[in-house]
Every structure is written in structure tokens, then in C-alpha cells.
């Protein structure tokens, strides 16, 4: 399936059913008026809090940019039906 078609489908689903979806206050992606800058701010505040109190902070990051554009959506849906 074309990534453009799947994005259009996702947009239509979100428009129609977004009121039924639940999310967490710690989620920044796919929410109106929130984005990467908000997530970075929250991360910096958390790190600064613990560092100022003498703790070590370890973190890992995963760049999942376009992660879902690189697999076969039809095959995924077929495997869910089985």
C-alpha cells in the first residue's frame, strides 16, 4: 500500500474516531498543539531535576522516523486476521 494512501486513511480514521481513543498525558506525538519541542522540554526538566539532586541520569533514544512506512501494511493486516 502506498504510504500516501495509508496516511490519508489514518487521517480519515482520526477525524472520525479520535474522540474514542484514549491517550496518556506523557504522550506528545499525534496530539493537537503538542510536538517534539514539548517532549524535549519535559525531558530536559526531568534530567535537570535528578542531576540537581546528585543522581546520575542514563537514557537511550530511538529514531523511529518513517518506521511504519517501510513495511508491508497489507501483510500486517492479513496476519492480524488469521
N, C-alpha and C. Protein backbone atom coordinates (compact mmCIF):
# COMPACT_ATOMS: atom_id res chain seq x y z
N UNK A 1 0.85 -1.17 0.00
CA UNK A 1 0.00 0.00 0.00
C UNK A 1 0.90 1.24 0.00
N UNK A 2 0.53 2.20 -0.75
CA UNK A 2 1.30 3.43 -0.84
C UNK A 2 1.26 4.18 0.49
N UNK A 3 2.42 4.72 0.93
CA UNK A 3 2.43 5.50 2.18
C UNK A 3 1.45 6.67 2.14
N UNK A 4 1.25 7.26 0.97
CA UNK A 4 0.32 8.39 0.86
C UNK A 4 -1.11 7.92 1.13
N UNK A 5 -1.47 6.79 0.57
CA UNK A 5 -2.81 6.25 0.78
C UNK A 5 -3.01 5.88 2.25
N UNK A 6 -2.00 5.26 2.86
CA UNK A 6 -2.14 4.88 4.27
C UNK A 6 -2.23 6.11 5.17
N UNK A 7 -1.49 7.17 4.85
CA UNK A 7 -1.58 8.41 5.64
C UNK A 7 -2.97 9.02 5.50
N UNK A 8 -3.52 9.00 4.31
CA UNK A 8 -4.86 9.52 4.09
C UNK A 8 -5.88 8.71 4.88
N UNK A 9 -5.73 7.38 4.86
CA UNK A 9 -6.61 6.51 5.63
C UNK A 9 -6.51 6.81 7.12
N UNK A 10 -5.28 6.98 7.62
CA UNK A 10 -5.09 7.30 9.04
C UNK A 10 -5.76 8.63 9.39
N UNK A 11 -5.62 9.61 8.52
CA UNK A 11 -6.24 10.91 8.76
C UNK A 11 -7.76 10.77 8.85
N UNK A 12 -8.36 10.00 7.95
CA UNK A 12 -9.81 9.81 7.96
C UNK A 12 -10.26 9.10 9.24
N UNK A 13 -9.53 8.09 9.64
CA UNK A 13 -9.86 7.36 10.87
C UNK A 13 -9.76 8.30 12.08
N UNK A 14 -8.69 9.09 12.13
CA UNK A 14 -8.52 10.02 13.25
C UNK A 14 -9.65 11.05 13.29
N UNK A 15 -10.03 11.57 12.14
CA UNK A 15 -11.11 12.56 12.10
C UNK A 15 -12.41 11.99 12.64
N UNK A 16 -12.71 10.76 12.27
CA UNK A 16 -13.99 10.16 12.63
C UNK A 16 -14.00 9.58 14.04
N UNK A 17 -12.88 8.98 14.49
CA UNK A 17 -12.90 8.22 15.73
C UNK A 17 -11.99 8.75 16.84
N UNK A 18 -11.39 9.92 16.66
CA UNK A 18 -10.43 10.41 17.65
C UNK A 18 -11.05 10.58 19.04
N UNK A 19 -12.33 10.86 19.12
CA UNK A 19 -12.96 11.03 20.44
C UNK A 19 -13.03 9.71 21.21
N UNK A 20 -12.90 8.58 20.54
CA UNK A 20 -12.95 7.27 21.20
C UNK A 20 -11.59 6.77 21.67
N UNK A 21 -10.51 7.40 21.18
CA UNK A 21 -9.16 6.97 21.51
C UNK A 21 -8.73 7.59 22.84
N UNK A 22 -8.08 6.79 23.64
CA UNK A 22 -7.54 7.34 24.88
C UNK A 22 -6.03 7.53 24.70
N UNK A 23 -5.48 8.45 25.48
CA UNK A 23 -4.04 8.66 25.41
C UNK A 23 -3.56 9.08 26.79
N UNK A 24 -2.28 9.16 26.92
CA UNK A 24 -1.65 9.48 28.18
C UNK A 24 -1.14 10.91 28.14
N UNK A 25 -1.10 11.57 29.29
CA UNK A 25 -0.57 12.93 29.34
C UNK A 25 0.90 12.99 28.95
N UNK A 26 1.60 11.85 29.04
CA UNK A 26 3.01 11.80 28.68
C UNK A 26 3.23 11.57 27.19
N UNK A 27 2.16 11.42 26.44
CA UNK A 27 2.27 11.24 25.00
C UNK A 27 2.30 12.61 24.33
N UNK A 28 3.24 12.82 23.43
CA UNK A 28 3.36 14.10 22.75
C UNK A 28 3.04 13.99 21.27
N UNK A 29 3.28 12.85 20.69
CA UNK A 29 3.03 12.68 19.26
C UNK A 29 1.56 12.47 18.98
N UNK A 30 1.12 12.90 17.82
CA UNK A 30 -0.24 12.71 17.33
C UNK A 30 -1.28 13.37 18.22
N UNK A 31 -0.89 14.48 18.87
CA UNK A 31 -1.84 15.25 19.68
C UNK A 31 -1.80 16.69 19.21
N UNK A 32 -2.98 17.31 19.18
CA UNK A 32 -3.05 18.71 18.76
C UNK A 32 -2.28 19.60 19.71
N UNK A 33 -1.58 20.54 19.16
CA UNK A 33 -0.85 21.57 19.89
C UNK A 33 0.30 21.03 20.74
N UNK A 34 0.74 19.81 20.50
CA UNK A 34 1.90 19.26 21.18
C UNK A 34 2.84 18.69 20.13
N UNK A 35 4.11 18.68 20.44
CA UNK A 35 5.06 18.15 19.48
C UNK A 35 6.40 17.88 20.11
N UNK A 36 7.39 17.81 19.25
CA UNK A 36 8.74 17.45 19.66
C UNK A 36 9.31 18.44 20.68
N UNK A 37 9.06 19.72 20.49
CA UNK A 37 9.62 20.72 21.43
C UNK A 37 9.06 20.54 22.84
N UNK A 38 7.81 20.12 22.95
CA UNK A 38 7.24 19.86 24.27
C UNK A 38 7.88 18.63 24.92
N UNK A 39 8.12 17.61 24.12
CA UNK A 39 8.76 16.40 24.64
C UNK A 39 10.18 16.69 25.09
N UNK A 40 10.91 17.49 24.31
CA UNK A 40 12.28 17.84 24.68
C UNK A 40 12.30 18.66 25.96
N UNK A 41 11.36 19.58 26.11
CA UNK A 41 11.26 20.38 27.33
C UNK A 41 11.02 19.48 28.55
N UNK A 42 10.08 18.54 28.43
CA UNK A 42 9.78 17.63 29.54
C UNK A 42 11.00 16.78 29.89
N UNK A 43 11.72 16.30 28.88
CA UNK A 43 12.92 15.51 29.11
C UNK A 43 13.99 16.32 29.83
N UNK A 44 14.22 17.55 29.36
CA UNK A 44 15.23 18.41 29.99
C UNK A 44 14.88 18.70 31.45
N UNK A 45 13.62 18.96 31.72
CA UNK A 45 13.19 19.24 33.09
C UNK A 45 13.42 18.02 33.99
N UNK A 46 13.13 16.85 33.48
CA UNK A 46 13.32 15.61 34.24
C UNK A 46 14.80 15.38 34.52
N UNK A 47 15.64 15.53 33.50
CA UNK A 47 17.08 15.33 33.67
C UNK A 47 17.64 16.35 34.66
N UNK A 48 17.27 17.62 34.49
CA UNK A 48 17.76 18.66 35.39
C UNK A 48 17.33 18.42 36.84
N UNK A 49 16.13 17.92 37.03
CA UNK A 49 15.63 17.61 38.38
C UNK A 49 16.53 16.59 39.07
N UNK A 50 16.81 15.50 38.41
CA UNK A 50 17.61 14.44 39.03
C UNK A 50 19.08 14.81 39.15
N UNK A 51 19.63 15.48 38.15
CA UNK A 51 21.04 15.88 38.19
C UNK A 51 21.26 16.89 39.32
N UNK A 52 20.34 17.81 39.51
CA UNK A 52 20.48 18.81 40.57
C UNK A 52 20.42 18.18 41.96
N UNK A 53 19.91 16.98 42.04
CA UNK A 53 19.83 16.27 43.32
C UNK A 53 20.91 15.20 43.46
N UNK A 54 21.90 15.26 42.56
CA UNK A 54 23.06 14.39 42.67
C UNK A 54 22.93 13.01 42.05
N UNK A 55 21.86 12.77 41.31
CA UNK A 55 21.67 11.46 40.68
C UNK A 55 22.32 11.42 39.30
N UNK A 56 22.66 10.22 38.89
CA UNK A 56 23.12 10.02 37.52
C UNK A 56 21.89 9.76 36.66
N UNK A 57 21.94 10.22 35.44
CA UNK A 57 20.81 10.01 34.53
C UNK A 57 21.34 9.29 33.30
N UNK A 58 20.70 8.19 32.96
CA UNK A 58 21.05 7.43 31.76
C UNK A 58 19.82 7.39 30.88
N UNK A 59 20.01 7.54 29.59
CA UNK A 59 18.87 7.46 28.69
C UNK A 59 19.30 6.87 27.36
N UNK A 60 18.31 6.39 26.66
CA UNK A 60 18.52 5.87 25.31
C UNK A 60 17.46 6.49 24.42
N UNK A 61 17.79 6.66 23.16
CA UNK A 61 16.84 7.25 22.21
C UNK A 61 16.73 6.36 20.99
N UNK A 62 15.57 6.33 20.42
CA UNK A 62 15.31 5.55 19.22
C UNK A 62 14.68 6.47 18.19
N UNK A 63 15.30 6.59 17.05
CA UNK A 63 14.76 7.40 15.96
C UNK A 63 13.89 6.50 15.11
N UNK A 64 12.60 6.61 15.29
CA UNK A 64 11.66 5.75 14.56
C UNK A 64 11.03 6.50 13.39
N UNK A 65 11.73 7.49 12.88
CA UNK A 65 11.22 8.27 11.76
C UNK A 65 10.89 7.35 10.60
N UNK A 66 9.71 7.45 10.12
CA UNK A 66 9.22 6.67 8.99
C UNK A 66 9.30 5.16 9.22
N UNK A 67 9.32 4.74 10.47
CA UNK A 67 9.42 3.31 10.77
C UNK A 67 8.25 2.53 10.18
N UNK A 68 7.07 3.11 10.18
CA UNK A 68 5.90 2.39 9.71
C UNK A 68 5.65 2.57 8.21
N UNK A 69 6.48 3.36 7.56
CA UNK A 69 6.38 3.49 6.11
C UNK A 69 7.19 2.43 5.39
N UNK A 70 7.96 1.64 6.11
CA UNK A 70 8.91 0.72 5.48
C UNK A 70 8.49 -0.74 5.58
N UNK A 71 7.26 -1.02 5.97
CA UNK A 71 6.84 -2.41 5.96
C UNK A 71 5.54 -2.56 5.18
N UNK A 72 5.21 -3.78 4.88
CA UNK A 72 4.05 -4.08 4.06
C UNK A 72 2.79 -4.05 4.94
N UNK A 73 1.97 -3.01 4.81
CA UNK A 73 0.77 -2.85 5.62
C UNK A 73 -0.25 -3.95 5.34
N UNK A 74 -0.38 -4.35 4.08
CA UNK A 74 -1.34 -5.39 3.71
C UNK A 74 -0.96 -6.70 4.40
N UNK A 75 0.31 -7.04 4.39
CA UNK A 75 0.74 -8.28 5.04
C UNK A 75 0.49 -8.20 6.55
N UNK A 76 0.69 -7.05 7.15
CA UNK A 76 0.42 -6.87 8.58
C UNK A 76 -1.05 -7.11 8.87
N UNK A 77 -1.93 -6.52 8.07
CA UNK A 77 -3.36 -6.70 8.29
C UNK A 77 -3.78 -8.14 8.06
N UNK A 78 -3.20 -8.79 7.06
CA UNK A 78 -3.52 -10.21 6.82
C UNK A 78 -3.12 -11.07 7.99
N UNK A 79 -1.99 -10.78 8.61
CA UNK A 79 -1.53 -11.59 9.76
C UNK A 79 -2.41 -11.35 10.99
N UNK A 80 -3.04 -10.19 11.09
CA UNK A 80 -3.93 -9.91 12.23
C UNK A 80 -5.26 -10.63 12.09
N UNK A 81 -5.68 -10.88 10.87
CA UNK A 81 -6.97 -11.53 10.63
C UNK A 81 -6.91 -13.01 10.96
N UNK A 82 -5.76 -13.62 10.80
CA UNK A 82 -5.62 -15.06 11.00
C UNK A 82 -5.92 -15.47 12.39
